[in-house]
Amino acid sequence: MTLLIDPVTHRSDRFGWAGWVHWETSGAHFYAWETPLVFFSVDIYTCLAFEPSTAVSFTKSYFDATHITSRAF
């Protein structure tokens, strides 16, 4: 994937972390809360084919998550 800009991150004292990266044919968003509960959300957008279960498995492992809910469309 060709990176168009460096990844952007931001930490809000009220809402937690946010991040975004833009590739030539894709993009991804990340959001994380610490309160009122530990939670994260990852959105992956791509024009290229990939196996969603591989992305879900990697994300679960990388963040050491105990529960993942996902939807591919």
Protein backbone atom coordinates (compact mmCIF):
# COMPACT_ATOMS: atom_id res chain seq x y z
CA MET A 1 0.00 0.00 0.00
CA THR A 2 1.27 3.44 -0.87
CA LEU A 3 1.17 5.84 2.07
CA LEU A 4 -0.21 9.25 1.06
CA ILE A 5 0.33 11.00 4.42
CA ASP A 6 1.92 9.99 7.70
CA PRO A 7 -0.54 8.47 10.18
CA VAL A 8 -2.39 11.05 12.28
CA THR A 9 -3.10 10.46 15.99
CA HIS A 10 -4.79 12.51 18.68
CA ARG A 11 -5.39 12.04 22.41
CA SER A 12 -8.45 13.71 23.89
CA ASP A 13 -8.65 13.92 27.68
CA ARG A 14 -12.41 13.50 27.37
CA PHE A 15 -12.75 10.87 24.62
CA GLY A 16 -9.46 8.93 24.41
CA TRP A 17 -7.36 8.09 21.37
CA ALA A 18 -8.10 8.48 17.68
CA GLY A 19 -5.95 7.68 14.68
CA TRP A 20 -6.19 7.70 10.92
CA VAL A 21 -4.01 6.61 8.02
CA HIS A 22 -4.58 7.17 4.31
CA TRP A 23 -3.10 4.90 1.68
CA GLU A 24 -3.55 5.39 -2.06
CA THR A 25 -6.26 2.74 -2.34
CA SER A 26 -7.27 2.32 1.30
CA GLY A 27 -7.61 3.86 4.73
CA ALA A 28 -8.05 2.91 8.37
CA HIS A 29 -9.48 4.57 11.48
CA PHE A 30 -8.84 3.65 15.11
CA TYR A 31 -10.67 4.89 18.18
CA ALA A 32 -10.06 3.84 21.80
CA TRP A 33 -11.72 4.70 25.10
CA GLU A 34 -10.33 4.14 28.54
CA THR A 35 -13.49 5.26 30.37
CA PRO A 36 -16.31 4.57 31.01
CA LEU A 37 -15.02 1.19 29.76
CA VAL A 38 -12.05 -0.16 27.83
CA PHE A 39 -13.16 -0.19 24.19
CA PHE A 40 -11.63 0.14 20.74
CA SER A 41 -12.96 0.35 17.21
CA VAL A 42 -11.05 -0.28 13.98
CA ASP A 43 -12.44 0.56 10.54
CA ILE A 44 -10.53 -0.69 7.49
CA TYR A 45 -11.40 0.56 4.01
CA THR A 46 -9.82 -0.85 0.89
CA CYS A 47 -10.34 -1.17 -2.83
CA LEU A 48 -8.14 -4.27 -2.83
CA ALA A 49 -9.26 -7.80 -1.98
CA PHE A 50 -8.30 -9.16 1.43
CA GLU A 51 -9.53 -11.85 3.80
CA PRO A 52 -11.60 -10.19 6.56
CA SER A 53 -11.05 -13.07 9.02
CA THR A 54 -7.27 -12.52 8.77
CA ALA A 55 -7.67 -8.82 9.60
CA VAL A 56 -9.99 -9.63 12.53
CA SER A 57 -7.62 -12.29 13.88
CA PHE A 58 -4.62 -9.95 13.63
CA THR A 59 -6.51 -7.10 15.35
CA LYS A 60 -7.71 -9.34 18.19
CA SER A 61 -4.19 -10.68 18.76
CA TYR A 62 -2.43 -7.29 18.43
CA PHE A 63 -4.68 -5.61 21.01
CA ASP A 64 -4.95 -8.73 23.20
CA ALA A 65 -8.75 -8.39 23.01
CA THR A 66 -10.99 -10.86 24.80
CA HIS A 67 -14.04 -10.12 22.63
CA ILE A 68 -14.32 -8.98 19.03
CA THR A 69 -17.40 -8.06 17.03
CA SER A 70 -16.86 -7.61 13.31
CA ARG A 71 -18.75 -7.11 10.08
CA ALA A 72 -17.44 -7.23 6.54
CA PHE A 73 -19.36 -5.72 3.67
